Amino acid sequence: MKITYINSQQNYGIVSIFLHWLMALLVMFLFILGVYMVQLDYYDAWYNSAPWWHKALGMFTLALLIIRIAWRMVTIQPEPLADYLWQKLLARTVHLSFYITIMIVCLTGYLVSTAKGAPVEMFAGFKIPAVTQLD
């Protein structure tokens, strides 16, 4: 099996594989961090930093999802191995539902985080502005 950067008719390329596993790890980490955050009290050391990491990594996940969708649109996809119609349909449905769910969760997280008009702070001082500005 030859590993290439782009997809072929038989295999996914390294870019698709990297985006897939990076997003899978981020989604799992964000879920675990979200469950952990609701148990924090005011005196916990992670009380202020855990939400910052959650928001920043959530926005990073949204950016990766957009990149992943764009990458999927400009590259070919490997052909399924078998001719089982219901399995192909189920696989496509689950795949699409994952994309939609991740998009909805990231966008609602952004909207909740910026509901008071404050931007979401990211890495290196980069800020994603709020949709609305309250005065």
C-alpha atoms as a PDB file:
ATOM      1  CA  MET A   1       0.000   0.000   0.000  1.00  0.00           C
ATOM      2  CA  LYS A   2       1.479   3.293  -1.112  1.00  0.00           C
ATOM      3  CA  ILE A   3       0.725   6.314   1.097  1.00  0.00           C
ATOM      4  CA  THR A   4       0.126   9.555  -0.800  1.00  0.00           C
ATOM      5  CA  TYR A   5      -0.922  13.054   0.204  1.00  0.00           C
ATOM      6  CA  ILE A   6      -4.151  12.989  -1.781  1.00  0.00           C
ATOM      7  CA  ASN A   7      -6.873  10.360  -1.997  1.00  0.00           C
ATOM      8  CA  SER A   8      -6.945   7.725  -4.704  1.00  0.00           C
ATOM      9  CA  GLN A   9      -9.629   5.324  -5.935  1.00  0.00           C
ATOM     10  CA  GLN A  10      -8.326   2.679  -3.503  1.00  0.00           C
ATOM     11  CA  ASN A  11      -7.085   4.593  -0.431  1.00  0.00           C
ATOM     12  CA  TYR A  12      -7.403   7.770   1.573  1.00  0.00           C
ATOM     13  CA  GLY A  13      -4.386  10.067   1.460  1.00  0.00           C
ATOM     14  CA  ILE A  14      -2.382  11.203   4.467  1.00  0.00           C
ATOM     15  CA  VAL A  15      -4.184  14.592   4.573  1.00  0.00           C
ATOM     16  CA  SER A  16      -7.622  12.943   4.914  1.00  0.00           C
ATOM     17  CA  ILE A  17      -6.317  10.451   7.474  1.00  0.00           C
ATOM     18  CA  PHE A  18      -4.634  13.195   9.530  1.00  0.00           C
ATOM     19  CA  LEU A  19      -7.739  15.417   9.509  1.00  0.00           C
ATOM     20  CA  HIS A  20      -9.937  12.460  10.475  1.00  0.00           C
ATOM     21  CA  TRP A  21      -7.880  11.375  13.483  1.00  0.00           C
ATOM     22  CA  LEU A  22      -7.071  14.890  14.674  1.00  0.00           C
ATOM     23  CA  MET A  23     -10.773  15.730  14.697  1.00  0.00           C
ATOM     24  CA  ALA A  24     -11.678  12.424  16.355  1.00  0.00           C
ATOM     25  CA  LEU A  25      -9.201  13.079  19.165  1.00  0.00           C
ATOM     26  CA  LEU A  26     -10.357  16.690  19.546  1.00  0.00           C
ATOM     27  CA  VAL A  27     -14.041  15.706  19.741  1.00  0.00           C
ATOM     28  CA  MET A  28     -13.307  13.049  22.369  1.00  0.00           C
ATOM     29  CA  PHE A  29     -11.099  15.435  24.365  1.00  0.00           C
ATOM     30  CA  LEU A  30     -13.681  18.231  24.202  1.00  0.00           C
ATOM     31  CA  PHE A  31     -16.414  15.887  25.392  1.00  0.00           C
ATOM     32  CA  ILE A  32     -14.330  14.716  28.346  1.00  0.00           C
ATOM     33  CA  LEU A  33     -13.283  18.288  29.175  1.00  0.00           C
ATOM     34  CA  GLY A  34     -16.906  19.452  29.004  1.00  0.00           C
ATOM     35  CA  VAL A  35     -18.017  16.744  31.431  1.00  0.00           C
ATOM     36  CA  TYR A  36     -15.099  17.603  33.725  1.00  0.00           C
ATOM     37  CA  MET A  37     -15.809  21.348  33.633  1.00  0.00           C
ATOM     38  CA  VAL A  38     -19.319  21.078  35.045  1.00  0.00           C
ATOM     39  CA  GLN A  39     -17.857  19.503  38.195  1.00  0.00           C
ATOM     40  CA  LEU A  40     -15.434  22.362  38.891  1.00  0.00           C
ATOM     41  CA  ASP A  41     -16.059  24.796  41.711  1.00  0.00           C
ATOM     42  CA  TYR A  42     -14.849  28.379  42.054  1.00  0.00           C
ATOM     43  CA  TYR A  43     -11.717  27.414  44.023  1.00  0.00           C
ATOM     44  CA  ASP A  44     -10.505  24.793  41.557  1.00  0.00           C
ATOM     45  CA  ALA A  45      -7.306  25.645  39.662  1.00  0.00           C
ATOM     46  CA  TRP A  46      -8.962  24.785  36.317  1.00  0.00           C
ATOM     47  CA  TYR A  47     -12.079  26.906  36.963  1.00  0.00           C
ATOM     48  CA  ASN A  48     -10.995  29.698  34.573  1.00  0.00           C
ATOM     49  CA  SER A  49      -8.601  27.906  32.232  1.00  0.00           C
ATOM     50  CA  ALA A  50     -10.738  24.843  31.343  1.00  0.00           C
ATOM     51  CA  PRO A  51     -13.494  26.919  29.674  1.00  0.00           C
ATOM     52  CA  TRP A  52     -10.856  28.880  27.734  1.00  0.00           C
ATOM     53  CA  TRP A  53      -9.314  25.655  26.411  1.00  0.00           C
ATOM     54  CA  HIS A  54     -12.765  24.249  25.646  1.00  0.00           C
ATOM     55  CA  LYS A  55     -13.766  27.322  23.616  1.00  0.00           C
ATOM     56  CA  ALA A  56     -10.436  27.652  21.807  1.00  0.00           C
ATOM     57  CA  LEU A  57     -10.254  23.973  20.867  1.00  0.00           C
ATOM     58  CA  GLY A  58     -13.932  23.998  19.909  1.00  0.00           C
ATOM     59  CA  MET A  59     -13.335  26.840  17.443  1.00  0.00           C
ATOM     60  CA  PHE A  60     -10.239  25.028  16.169  1.00  0.00           C
ATOM     61  CA  THR A  61     -12.409  21.939  15.619  1.00  0.00           C
ATOM     62  CA  LEU A  62     -14.912  24.028  13.655  1.00  0.00           C
ATOM     63  CA  ALA A  63     -12.092  25.383  11.476  1.00  0.00           C
ATOM     64  CA  LEU A  64     -10.805  21.845  10.898  1.00  0.00           C
ATOM     65  CA  LEU A  65     -14.309  20.699   9.961  1.00  0.00           C
ATOM     66  CA  ILE A  66     -14.569  23.437   7.346  1.00  0.00           C
ATOM     67  CA  ILE A  67     -11.136  22.492   5.992  1.00  0.00           C
ATOM     68  CA  ARG A  68     -12.112  18.820   6.002  1.00  0.00           C
ATOM     69  CA  ILE A  69     -15.336  19.465   4.078  1.00  0.00           C
ATOM     70  CA  ALA A  70     -13.458  21.620   1.549  1.00  0.00           C
ATOM     71  CA  TRP A  71     -10.779  18.923   1.188  1.00  0.00           C
ATOM     72  CA  ARG A  72     -13.476  16.294   0.675  1.00  0.00           C
ATOM     73  CA  MET A  73     -15.063  18.423  -2.064  1.00  0.00           C
ATOM     74  CA  VAL A  74     -11.837  18.897  -4.053  1.00  0.00           C
ATOM     75  CA  THR A  75     -10.469  15.346  -3.810  1.00  0.00           C
ATOM     76  CA  ILE A  76     -11.833  12.022  -4.964  1.00  0.00           C
ATOM     77  CA  GLN A  77     -13.147   9.490  -2.466  1.00  0.00           C
ATOM     78  CA  PRO A  78     -12.105   5.836  -2.465  1.00  0.00           C
ATOM     79  CA  GLU A  79     -14.675   3.438  -3.840  1.00  0.00           C
ATOM     80  CA  PRO A  80     -16.493   1.186  -1.346  1.00  0.00           C
ATOM     81  CA  LEU A  81     -15.182  -2.371  -1.234  1.00  0.00           C
ATOM     82  CA  ALA A  82     -18.474  -4.217  -1.655  1.00  0.00           C
ATOM     83  CA  ASP A  83     -21.759  -3.847  -3.502  1.00  0.00           C
ATOM     84  CA  TYR A  84     -24.015  -3.806  -0.450  1.00  0.00           C
ATOM     85  CA  LEU A  85     -26.400  -0.938  -1.038  1.00  0.00           C
ATOM     86  CA  TRP A  86     -27.816  -0.649   2.493  1.00  0.00           C
ATOM     87  CA  GLN A  87     -24.330  -0.590   4.053  1.00  0.00           C
ATOM     88  CA  LYS A  88     -23.163   2.172   1.712  1.00  0.00           C
ATOM     89  CA  LEU A  89     -26.310   4.150   2.437  1.00  0.00           C
ATOM     90  CA  LEU A  90     -25.936   3.656   6.183  1.00  0.00           C
ATOM     91  CA  ALA A  91     -22.250   4.626   6.093  1.00  0.00           C
ATOM     92  CA  ARG A  92     -23.000   7.826   4.151  1.00  0.00           C
ATOM     93  CA  THR A  93     -25.885   8.695   6.466  1.00  0.00           C
ATOM     94  CA  VAL A  94     -23.782   8.242   9.608  1.00  0.00           C
ATOM     95  CA  HIS A  95     -20.875  10.167   8.088  1.00  0.00           C
ATOM     96  CA  LEU A  96     -23.141  13.071   7.121  1.00  0.00           C
ATOM     97  CA  SER A  97     -24.812  13.043  10.542  1.00  0.00           C
ATOM     98  CA  PHE A  98     -21.382  13.292  12.229  1.00  0.00           C
ATOM     99  CA  TYR A  99     -20.503  16.326  10.083  1.00  0.00           C
ATOM    100  CA  ILE A 100     -23.848  17.986  10.819  1.00  0.00           C
ATOM    101  CA  THR A 101     -23.670  17.218  14.553  1.00  0.00           C
ATOM    102  CA  ILE A 102     -20.121  18.547  14.915  1.00  0.00           C
ATOM    103  CA  MET A 103     -21.085  21.683  12.967  1.00  0.00           C
ATOM    104  CA  ILE A 104     -24.174  22.293  15.120  1.00  0.00           C
ATOM    105  CA  VAL A 105     -22.347  21.689  18.411  1.00  0.00           C
ATOM    106  CA  CYS A 106     -19.477  24.009  17.437  1.00  0.00           C
ATOM    107  CA  LEU A 107     -21.783  26.763  16.189  1.00  0.00           C
ATOM    108  CA  THR A 108     -24.075  26.613  19.227  1.00  0.00           C
ATOM    109  CA  GLY A 109     -21.009  26.644  21.483  1.00  0.00           C
ATOM    110  CA  TYR A 110     -19.813  29.751  19.683  1.00  0.00           C
ATOM    111  CA  LEU A 111     -23.230  31.423  19.990  1.00  0.00           C
ATOM    112  CA  VAL A 112     -23.512  30.625  23.703  1.00  0.00           C
ATOM    113  CA  SER A 113     -19.945  31.808  24.343  1.00  0.00           C
ATOM    114  CA  THR A 114     -20.509  35.108  22.562  1.00  0.00           C
ATOM    115  CA  ALA A 115     -24.094  35.743  23.719  1.00  0.00           C
ATOM    116  CA  LYS A 116     -22.996  38.648  25.938  1.00  0.00           C
ATOM    117  CA  GLY A 117     -21.099  40.280  23.072  1.00  0.00           C
ATOM    118  CA  ALA A 118     -17.586  39.182  24.087  1.00  0.00           C
ATOM    119  CA  PRO A 119     -15.365  37.512  21.463  1.00  0.00           C
ATOM    120  CA  VAL A 120     -13.983  33.997  21.779  1.00  0.00           C
ATOM    121  CA  GLU A 121     -10.276  34.210  22.564  1.00  0.00           C
ATOM    122  CA  MET A 122      -8.073  31.748  20.741  1.00  0.00           C
ATOM    123  CA  PHE A 123      -4.390  30.991  20.672  1.00  0.00           C
ATOM    124  CA  ALA A 124      -1.769  33.738  20.306  1.00  0.00           C
ATOM    125  CA  GLY A 125      -4.278  36.454  21.172  1.00  0.00           C
ATOM    126  CA  PHE A 126      -6.465  35.805  18.119  1.00  0.00           C
ATOM    127  CA  LYS A 127     -10.125  36.614  18.806  1.00  0.00           C
ATOM    128  CA  ILE A 128     -13.234  35.489  16.966  1.00  0.00           C
ATOM    129  CA  PRO A 129     -15.699  38.370  17.240  1.00  0.00           C
ATOM    130  CA  ALA A 130     -19.220  37.931  18.545  1.00  0.00           C
ATOM    131  CA  VAL A 131     -22.138  38.044  16.116  1.00  0.00           C
ATOM    132  CA  THR A 132     -23.839  40.723  18.201  1.00  0.00           C
ATOM    133  CA  GLN A 133     -22.317  43.569  20.148  1.00  0.00           C
ATOM    134  CA  LEU A 134     -24.089  44.613  23.323  1.00  0.00           C
ATOM    135  CA  ASP A 135     -23.521  48.149  24.535  1.00  0.00           C
END
